[in-house]
Amino acid sequence: MNSMNPINPTNSMNPMSPKNPTNSVDERYMRLALELAHKGEGYTSPNPIVGAVVVKDGKIVGQGWHKQYGGPHAEVFALEDAGDDARGGTIYVTLEPCSHYGKTPPCADRIIAAGIRHAVVACRDPNPLVNGQGIDKMRAAGIEVTEGVLEGEVRRANEIFFKFIQTGLPFVQLKLAQSLDGKIATHTGDSKWISGEESRIEVHRLRRKYAAILVGANTVINDDPLLTVRHVEGPNPVRIVLDGRGRVALERKMFAEEGRTIIATATMPVAKEAKLRARGVEVWRLPAATGKVDLRQLLVRLGKENFDSLLIEGGGETAAAFLEAGLVDKVSFFIAPIILGGRDSVPAIGGEGAAHIAYALRLIDMEITRVDEDLLVTGYPVRH
């Protein structure tokens, strides 16, 4: 069975929802550019993922994608691949070519110098340093520019970048694995493994897209997770533990892992902080709301330190805190075909919960996918 098999996704009026594919020439080449863009996932943060294709006389002569932050952009790779064949051709690029000097020269200038006749751009770059200026520069040089091809799909693929560049706050996704009856652990605390192996691999694919991954203290105490990317190729996210009172023991596995680990706390004892720092763990003391870490201030600090995205992996109380504060942009629930039962089993979402159905969070623009024997439900929470 295909491990990622879509099951009748719902339609939505969300302007960022993907458009239905057609057989048009422009959409066909733009779709290829988008496939190339996805190869950069996890490596370009906090830049967007971008793909480019150069076509001349009905043939693809160049392809490229943005491979890593600080490196050449997709257009440069595609034009280098095309060489002299780029002159008089069409370039398809998923995001507006940049028009300013940053870590690399302007891509709009490179396109003009290559002699491109026609540029097809999926959507404009919301970065204030670009935002239409790249398109204006190409048009002023006599290049025909077509905008909006597969715009919805490209915006969705770059939802992390769009939120971060427009707000300065990281895009937040909540991921949980639960039983059919909404439990994440039995009454004895056993939680390994609720979801299947294919789902766990899919979670690692998700992790590599995010700059940081966060869990609560209870998850570290009970599950002792590594929070790394092990089952797929890609960079490990920075590990963040929400530990308001400094309860997590120094012997947890993640503290022995390579890479950056941050403890976000409100009232951790100074002696405990010193021991953590001696092991290379960063400790962020943040303003406390009712004795707990102010989650909004945590996101503000992450944004200031150039974290464009945060993946929350639990547990139930941490998930509830972020949801109740309205800080979650997207959710992904892996639902296993098992029933745990029990009044004392651990619910996927803790907290007080909604007092009335009318106050419940609802998902829009949902997708339901089969992952081997599990179901993956993804959507965007809104409160009506």
Protein backbone atom coordinates (compact mmCIF):
# COMPACT_ATOMS: atom_id res chain seq x y z
CA MET A 1 0.00 0.00 0.00
CA ASN A 2 1.20 3.50 -0.80
CA SER A 3 2.31 5.02 2.50
CA MET A 4 0.95 8.47 1.63
CA ASN A 5 -2.40 8.01 -0.08
CA PRO A 6 -4.73 11.06 -0.14
CA ILE A 7 -8.32 10.45 0.93
CA ASN A 8 -10.80 12.93 -0.49
CA PRO A 9 -9.42 16.22 0.87
CA THR A 10 -12.12 18.79 1.60
CA ASN A 11 -12.48 21.94 -0.44
CA SER A 12 -11.95 25.34 1.13
CA MET A 13 -12.35 29.00 0.34
CA ASN A 14 -8.93 29.68 1.92
CA PRO A 15 -7.03 31.80 -0.64
CA MET A 16 -3.85 29.81 0.10
CA SER A 17 -5.42 26.47 -0.76
CA PRO A 18 -3.92 24.62 -3.74
CA LYS A 19 -5.66 25.06 -7.09
CA ASN A 20 -6.74 22.07 -9.11
CA PRO A 21 -4.06 21.09 -11.63
CA THR A 22 -4.67 21.61 -15.35
CA ASN A 23 -2.82 20.53 -18.47
CA SER A 24 -1.70 24.01 -19.48
CA VAL A 25 1.92 24.36 -20.56
CA ASP A 26 2.69 27.04 -17.99
CA GLU A 27 1.26 25.02 -15.12
CA ARG A 28 3.14 21.91 -16.22
CA TYR A 29 6.50 23.64 -16.12
CA MET A 30 5.64 25.55 -12.94
CA ARG A 31 4.70 22.29 -11.26
CA LEU A 32 8.13 20.94 -12.13
CA ALA A 33 9.69 24.06 -10.64
CA LEU A 34 7.69 23.49 -7.46
CA GLU A 35 8.86 19.87 -7.28
CA LEU A 36 12.43 21.12 -7.53
CA ALA A 37 11.78 23.72 -4.81
CA HIS A 38 10.79 21.01 -2.32
CA LYS A 39 14.29 19.54 -2.57
CA GLY A 40 15.50 22.50 -0.53
CA GLU A 41 13.22 21.84 2.45
CA GLY A 42 15.10 22.05 5.70
CA TYR A 43 18.19 23.64 4.18
CA THR A 44 17.12 27.17 3.20
CA SER A 45 15.67 28.50 6.47
CA PRO A 46 14.87 31.32 7.00
CA ASN A 47 14.77 31.78 3.24
CA PRO A 48 11.96 30.33 1.12
CA ILE A 49 12.16 27.18 -0.95
CA VAL A 50 12.34 28.12 -4.64
CA GLY A 51 12.60 26.18 -7.89
CA ALA A 52 13.25 27.35 -11.46
CA VAL A 53 13.02 25.84 -14.93
CA VAL A 54 14.27 27.34 -18.22
CA VAL A 55 12.44 26.34 -21.40
CA LYS A 56 13.29 27.12 -25.01
CA ASP A 57 11.50 25.95 -28.15
CA GLY A 58 9.35 23.59 -26.09
CA LYS A 59 12.30 21.87 -24.42
CA ILE A 60 13.64 22.10 -20.87
CA VAL A 61 17.20 23.44 -21.08
CA GLY A 62 17.87 24.31 -17.43
CA GLN A 63 16.71 23.40 -13.95
CA GLY A 64 17.66 24.47 -10.44
CA TRP A 65 16.54 25.03 -6.89
CA HIS A 66 17.67 27.01 -3.85
CA LYS A 67 19.85 24.45 -2.10
CA GLN A 68 20.93 26.16 1.11
CA TYR A 69 20.71 29.41 3.02
CA GLY A 70 23.35 31.87 1.85
CA GLY A 71 23.99 29.99 -1.38
CA PRO A 72 22.97 30.80 -4.98
CA HIS A 73 19.26 31.05 -5.67
CA ALA A 74 17.25 28.73 -7.88
CA GLU A 75 17.39 31.05 -10.89
CA VAL A 76 21.18 31.06 -10.86
CA PHE A 77 21.40 27.27 -10.93
CA ALA A 78 18.78 27.03 -13.69
CA LEU A 79 20.47 29.66 -15.86
CA GLU A 80 23.89 28.07 -15.38
CA ASP A 81 22.39 24.74 -16.36
CA ALA A 82 20.87 26.30 -19.49
CA GLY A 83 23.98 28.20 -20.54
CA ASP A 84 23.64 29.98 -23.90
CA ASP A 85 20.33 28.22 -24.51
CA ALA A 86 18.70 30.57 -22.00
CA ARG A 87 18.82 33.46 -24.47
CA GLY A 88 15.37 33.96 -25.94
CA GLY A 89 13.87 31.37 -23.60
CA THR A 90 11.29 31.34 -20.80
CA ILE A 91 12.11 30.96 -17.13
CA TYR A 92 9.57 29.53 -14.72
CA VAL A 93 10.26 30.47 -11.11
CA THR A 94 8.10 29.73 -8.07
CA LEU A 95 8.84 33.00 -6.27
CA GLU A 96 9.57 36.47 -7.62
CA PRO A 97 13.28 36.91 -8.41
CA CYS A 98 15.05 39.14 -5.90
CA SER A 99 15.99 42.68 -6.92
CA HIS A 100 18.47 43.61 -4.19
CA TYR A 101 21.94 42.68 -3.02
CA GLY A 102 21.79 40.38 -0.01
CA LYS A 103 23.98 37.33 0.49
CA THR A 104 23.87 36.99 -3.32
CA PRO A 105 23.47 39.44 -6.24
CA PRO A 106 19.98 40.23 -7.60
CA CYS A 107 18.48 37.34 -9.55
CA ALA A 108 16.40 39.76 -11.65
CA ASP A 109 19.66 41.22 -12.99
CA ARG A 110 20.96 37.74 -13.76
CA ILE A 111 17.78 36.89 -15.70
CA ILE A 112 18.05 40.12 -17.72
CA ALA A 113 21.72 39.50 -18.51
CA ALA A 114 20.95 35.95 -19.66
CA GLY A 115 18.63 37.28 -22.38
CA ILE A 116 15.45 35.65 -21.08
CA ARG A 117 12.45 36.68 -23.17
CA HIS A 118 9.60 35.63 -20.87
CA ALA A 119 9.43 35.07 -17.09
CA VAL A 120 6.56 33.14 -15.50
CA VAL A 121 6.34 33.83 -11.76
CA ALA A 122 4.01 31.95 -9.41
CA CYS A 123 3.77 34.65 -6.76
CA ARG A 124 5.39 37.83 -5.54
CA ASP A 125 7.94 37.80 -2.75
CA PRO A 126 6.39 39.42 0.37
CA ASN A 127 9.83 40.55 1.55
CA PRO A 128 9.64 44.39 1.58
CA LEU A 129 13.06 44.46 -0.12
CA VAL A 130 11.48 42.72 -3.13
CA ASN A 131 7.65 42.71 -3.26
CA GLY A 132 7.14 43.56 -6.93
CA GLN A 133 10.47 45.27 -7.53
CA GLY A 134 12.00 42.20 -9.17
CA ILE A 135 9.05 41.94 -11.54
CA ASP A 136 9.16 45.68 -12.28
CA LYS A 137 12.87 45.48 -13.04
CA MET A 138 12.38 42.62 -15.52
CA ARG A 139 9.48 44.36 -17.23
CA ALA A 140 11.49 47.58 -17.50
CA ALA A 141 14.17 45.56 -19.31
CA GLY A 142 11.61 44.37 -21.87
CA ILE A 143 10.96 40.91 -20.45
CA GLU A 144 7.36 39.71 -20.62
CA VAL A 145 6.24 38.65 -17.14
CA THR A 146 3.29 36.37 -16.35
CA GLU A 147 2.18 36.19 -12.71
CA GLY A 148 -0.05 33.89 -10.65
CA VAL A 149 0.57 30.44 -12.16
CA LEU A 150 0.02 27.91 -9.34
CA GLU A 151 0.15 30.77 -6.87
CA GLY A 152 -1.96 28.97 -4.26
CA GLU A 153 0.24 25.88 -4.24
CA VAL A 154 3.45 27.89 -4.07
CA ARG A 155 2.16 30.04 -1.21
CA ARG A 156 1.21 26.88 0.66
CA ALA A 157 4.65 25.36 0.06
CA ASN A 158 6.20 28.54 1.50
CA GLU A 159 3.71 29.14 4.31
CA ILE A 160 6.59 29.17 6.81
CA PHE A 161 8.43 31.91 4.92
CA PHE A 162 5.31 33.99 4.30
CA LYS A 163 4.34 34.08 7.99
CA PHE A 164 7.87 34.77 9.22
CA ILE A 165 8.70 37.54 6.73
CA GLN A 166 5.36 39.28 7.32
CA THR A 167 5.14 39.01 11.13
CA GLY A 168 8.64 38.26 12.43
CA LEU A 169 7.17 35.28 14.31
CA PRO A 170 7.83 31.62 13.56
CA PHE A 171 5.21 29.48 11.82
CA VAL A 172 3.91 27.02 14.45
CA GLN A 173 2.73 23.51 13.64
CA LEU A 174 1.37 21.06 16.20
CA LYS A 175 1.94 17.36 15.55
CA LEU A 176 0.42 14.60 17.66
CA ALA A 177 0.08 10.82 17.39
CA GLN A 178 -3.09 9.55 19.03
CA SER A 179 -5.37 6.56 19.30
CA LEU A 180 -8.77 6.48 17.64
CA ASP A 181 -10.32 7.56 20.93
CA GLY A 182 -8.02 10.58 21.30
CA LYS A 183 -5.38 9.23 23.71
CA ILE A 184 -1.60 9.70 23.55
CA ALA A 185 -0.68 7.30 26.36
CA THR A 186 -2.27 4.60 28.52
CA HIS A 187 -3.12 5.09 32.20
CA THR A 188 0.33 3.62 33.01
CA GLY A 189 2.05 6.21 30.80
CA ASP A 190 2.96 3.79 27.99
CA SER A 191 3.00 5.57 24.62
CA LYS A 192 5.46 3.64 22.40
CA TRP A 193 4.36 3.22 19.83
CA ILE A 194 0.85 4.49 19.11
CA SER A 195 1.45 5.27 15.45
CA GLY A 196 3.01 2.88 12.95
CA GLU A 197 6.53 2.83 11.53
CA GLU A 198 5.57 4.64 8.32
CA SER A 199 4.01 7.45 10.35
CA ARG A 200 7.16 7.79 12.43
CA ILE A 201 9.21 8.11 9.26
CA GLU A 202 6.78 10.75 8.01
CA VAL A 203 7.25 12.65 11.28
CA HIS A 204 10.99 12.75 10.64
CA ARG A 205 10.33 14.20 7.19
CA LEU A 206 8.24 16.83 8.91
CA ARG A 207 10.94 17.55 11.51
CA ARG A 208 13.59 18.32 8.94
CA LYS A 209 11.46 21.18 7.58
CA TYR A 210 11.40 23.01 10.91
CA ALA A 211 14.03 25.22 12.49
CA ALA A 212 13.10 24.09 16.01
CA ILE A 213 11.10 21.36 17.71
CA LEU A 214 9.43 21.80 21.10
CA VAL A 215 8.11 19.45 23.78
CA GLY A 216 6.97 19.94 27.34
CA ALA A 217 8.78 18.79 30.46
CA ASN A 218 6.39 15.86 30.98
CA THR A 219 7.22 14.45 27.56
CA VAL A 220 10.95 14.56 28.32
CA ILE A 221 10.44 13.03 31.77
CA ASN A 222 8.14 10.24 30.59
CA ASP A 223 9.39 9.45 27.06
CA ASP A 224 13.05 10.57 27.11
CA PRO A 225 12.96 11.50 23.38
CA LEU A 226 15.95 12.33 21.18
CA LEU A 227 14.04 14.80 18.96
CA THR A 228 16.35 14.21 16.00
CA VAL A 229 15.98 13.33 12.33
CA ARG A 230 17.13 9.72 12.13
CA HIS A 231 14.93 7.94 9.61
CA VAL A 232 15.42 10.39 6.73
CA GLU A 233 18.25 12.55 5.42
CA GLY A 234 18.21 16.12 6.59
CA PRO A 235 19.27 18.58 9.30
CA ASN A 236 18.20 18.15 12.91
CA PRO A 237 16.02 20.95 14.30
CA VAL A 238 17.09 22.83 17.40
CA ARG A 239 15.55 21.12 20.44
CA ILE A 240 13.46 23.22 22.84
CA VAL A 241 12.03 21.99 26.14
CA LEU A 242 9.28 23.96 27.85
CA ASP A 243 10.24 23.46 31.51
CA GLY A 244 8.87 26.28 33.63
CA ARG A 245 10.17 25.02 36.99
CA GLY A 246 13.30 23.11 35.92
CA ARG A 247 11.97 19.59 36.52
CA VAL A 248 13.81 17.76 33.71
CA ALA A 249 16.73 15.63 34.88
CA LEU A 250 20.22 16.19 33.51
CA GLU A 251 20.49 12.55 32.45
CA ARG A 252 17.96 12.79 29.61
CA LYS A 253 19.19 11.47 26.25
CA MET A 254 18.75 14.68 24.31
CA PHE A 255 21.33 16.47 26.47
CA ALA A 256 23.96 14.06 25.15
CA GLU A 257 23.01 14.62 21.51
CA GLU A 258 25.00 16.87 19.21
CA GLY A 259 23.38 20.12 18.24
CA ARG A 260 21.66 22.95 20.04
CA THR A 261 19.27 22.39 22.96
CA ILE A 262 17.32 25.18 24.68
CA ILE A 263 15.37 25.04 27.94
CA ALA A 264 12.63 27.68 28.14
CA THR A 265 11.89 28.32 31.81
CA ALA A 266 10.29 30.76 34.20
CA THR A 267 11.42 29.80 37.71
CA MET A 268 14.21 27.23 37.31
CA PRO A 269 16.57 27.11 40.34
CA VAL A 270 19.84 28.90 39.65
CA ALA A 271 21.91 25.84 40.62
CA LYS A 272 20.03 23.70 38.09
CA GLU A 273 20.57 26.32 35.39
CA ALA A 274 24.32 26.33 36.06
CA LYS A 275 24.50 22.54 35.68
CA LEU A 276 22.61 22.64 32.39
CA ARG A 277 24.80 25.39 31.01
CA ALA A 278 27.87 23.40 32.00
CA ARG A 279 26.61 20.64 29.70
CA GLY A 280 26.19 23.06 26.80
CA VAL A 281 22.43 23.51 27.19
CA GLU A 282 21.06 27.02 26.71
CA VAL A 283 18.61 28.30 29.31
CA TRP A 284 16.18 31.03 28.34
CA ARG A 285 14.45 32.73 31.24
CA LEU A 286 11.23 34.22 29.94
CA PRO A 287 8.44 36.28 31.48
CA ALA A 288 6.04 34.14 33.47
CA ALA A 289 2.29 34.20 33.07
CA THR A 290 0.64 32.65 36.18
CA GLY A 291 3.92 30.94 36.98
CA LYS A 292 4.35 29.46 33.51
CA VAL A 293 6.47 30.54 30.54
CA ASP A 294 4.77 33.22 28.46
CA LEU A 295 4.43 31.36 25.17
CA ARG A 296 3.95 34.46 23.08
CA GLN A 297 7.19 35.91 24.43
CA LEU A 298 8.90 32.63 23.61
CA LEU A 299 7.80 33.00 19.99
CA VAL A 300 8.93 36.62 19.95
CA ARG A 301 12.41 35.62 21.10
CA LEU A 302 12.57 32.78 18.59
CA GLY A 303 11.67 35.22 15.84
CA LYS A 304 14.34 37.69 16.94
CA GLU A 305 16.90 34.87 16.82
CA ASN A 306 15.86 34.06 13.23
CA PHE A 307 13.87 30.89 13.90
CA ASP A 308 11.28 30.91 11.14
CA SER A 309 9.38 27.80 12.28
CA LEU A 310 8.52 25.70 15.32
CA LEU A 311 7.15 22.15 15.43
CA ILE A 312 5.37 21.22 18.67
CA GLU A 313 5.31 17.51 19.44
CA GLY A 314 3.60 17.41 22.81
CA GLY A 315 2.45 16.48 25.26
CA GLY A 316 -1.19 17.14 25.85
CA GLU A 317 -0.83 20.06 28.25
CA THR A 318 1.76 21.79 26.06
CA ALA A 319 -0.47 21.31 23.01
CA ALA A 320 -3.45 22.74 24.91
CA ALA A 321 -1.47 25.76 26.10
CA PHE A 322 -0.42 26.76 22.58
CA LEU A 323 -3.89 26.11 21.13
CA GLU A 324 -5.68 28.04 23.88
CA ALA A 325 -3.30 30.96 23.35
CA GLY A 326 -4.13 31.00 19.62
CA LEU A 327 -0.50 30.43 18.65
CA VAL A 328 -0.86 27.35 16.43
CA ASP A 329 -0.96 27.93 12.67
CA LYS A 330 -1.34 24.31 11.53
CA VAL A 331 -2.04 20.90 13.05
CA SER A 332 -1.18 17.35 11.97
CA PHE A 333 -2.77 14.47 13.86
CA PHE A 334 -1.61 10.92 13.15
CA ILE A 335 -4.56 8.73 14.16
CA ALA A 336 -3.81 5.06 14.78
CA PRO A 337 -6.52 2.37 14.46
CA ILE A 338 -6.31 1.44 18.14
CA ILE A 339 -8.56 2.17 21.12
CA LEU A 340 -6.94 2.66 24.51
CA GLY A 341 -9.95 3.51 26.65
CA GLY A 342 -9.69 4.27 30.33
CA ARG A 343 -10.66 7.32 32.35
CA ASP A 344 -7.04 7.87 33.35
CA SER A 345 -5.49 7.47 29.90
CA VAL A 346 -3.71 10.61 28.71
CA PRO A 347 -5.76 12.79 26.32
CA ALA A 348 -4.15 14.20 23.17
CA ILE A 349 -5.17 17.72 24.20
CA GLY A 350 -5.28 18.64 27.88
CA GLY A 351 -6.23 21.92 29.47
CA GLU A 352 -9.77 22.88 30.43
CA GLY A 353 -11.17 22.45 26.94
CA ALA A 354 -14.11 24.24 25.35
CA ALA A 355 -17.12 24.84 27.57
CA HIS A 356 -19.47 24.72 24.60
CA ILE A 357 -19.29 23.17 21.14
CA ALA A 358 -19.62 26.65 19.65
CA TYR A 359 -16.29 27.60 21.24
CA ALA A 360 -14.38 24.64 19.86
CA LEU A 361 -11.46 25.10 17.49
CA ARG A 362 -12.33 23.94 14.00
CA LEU A 363 -10.06 22.99 11.13
CA ILE A 364 -10.28 24.55 7.69
CA ASP A 365 -8.61 23.51 4.45
CA MET A 366 -8.27 19.96 5.71
CA GLU A 367 -6.36 17.13 4.10
CA ILE A 368 -6.81 13.49 5.13
CA THR A 369 -4.06 11.10 4.10
CA ARG A 370 -3.55 7.37 4.60
CA VAL A 371 -0.11 6.53 6.03
CA ASP A 372 -0.02 2.74 5.96
CA GLU A 373 -2.60 1.79 8.61
CA ASP A 374 -2.79 5.27 10.17
CA LEU A 375 -4.70 8.38 9.11
CA LEU A 376 -2.99 11.77 8.95
CA VAL A 377 -5.36 14.69 9.40
CA THR A 378 -3.88 18.10 8.61
CA GLY A 379 -5.57 21.46 8.76
CA TYR A 380 -5.55 25.04 9.99
CA PRO A 381 -7.31 25.80 13.30
CA VAL A 382 -9.75 28.68 13.59
CA ARG A 383 -12.16 29.71 16.34
CA HIS A 384 -15.56 30.87 15.12
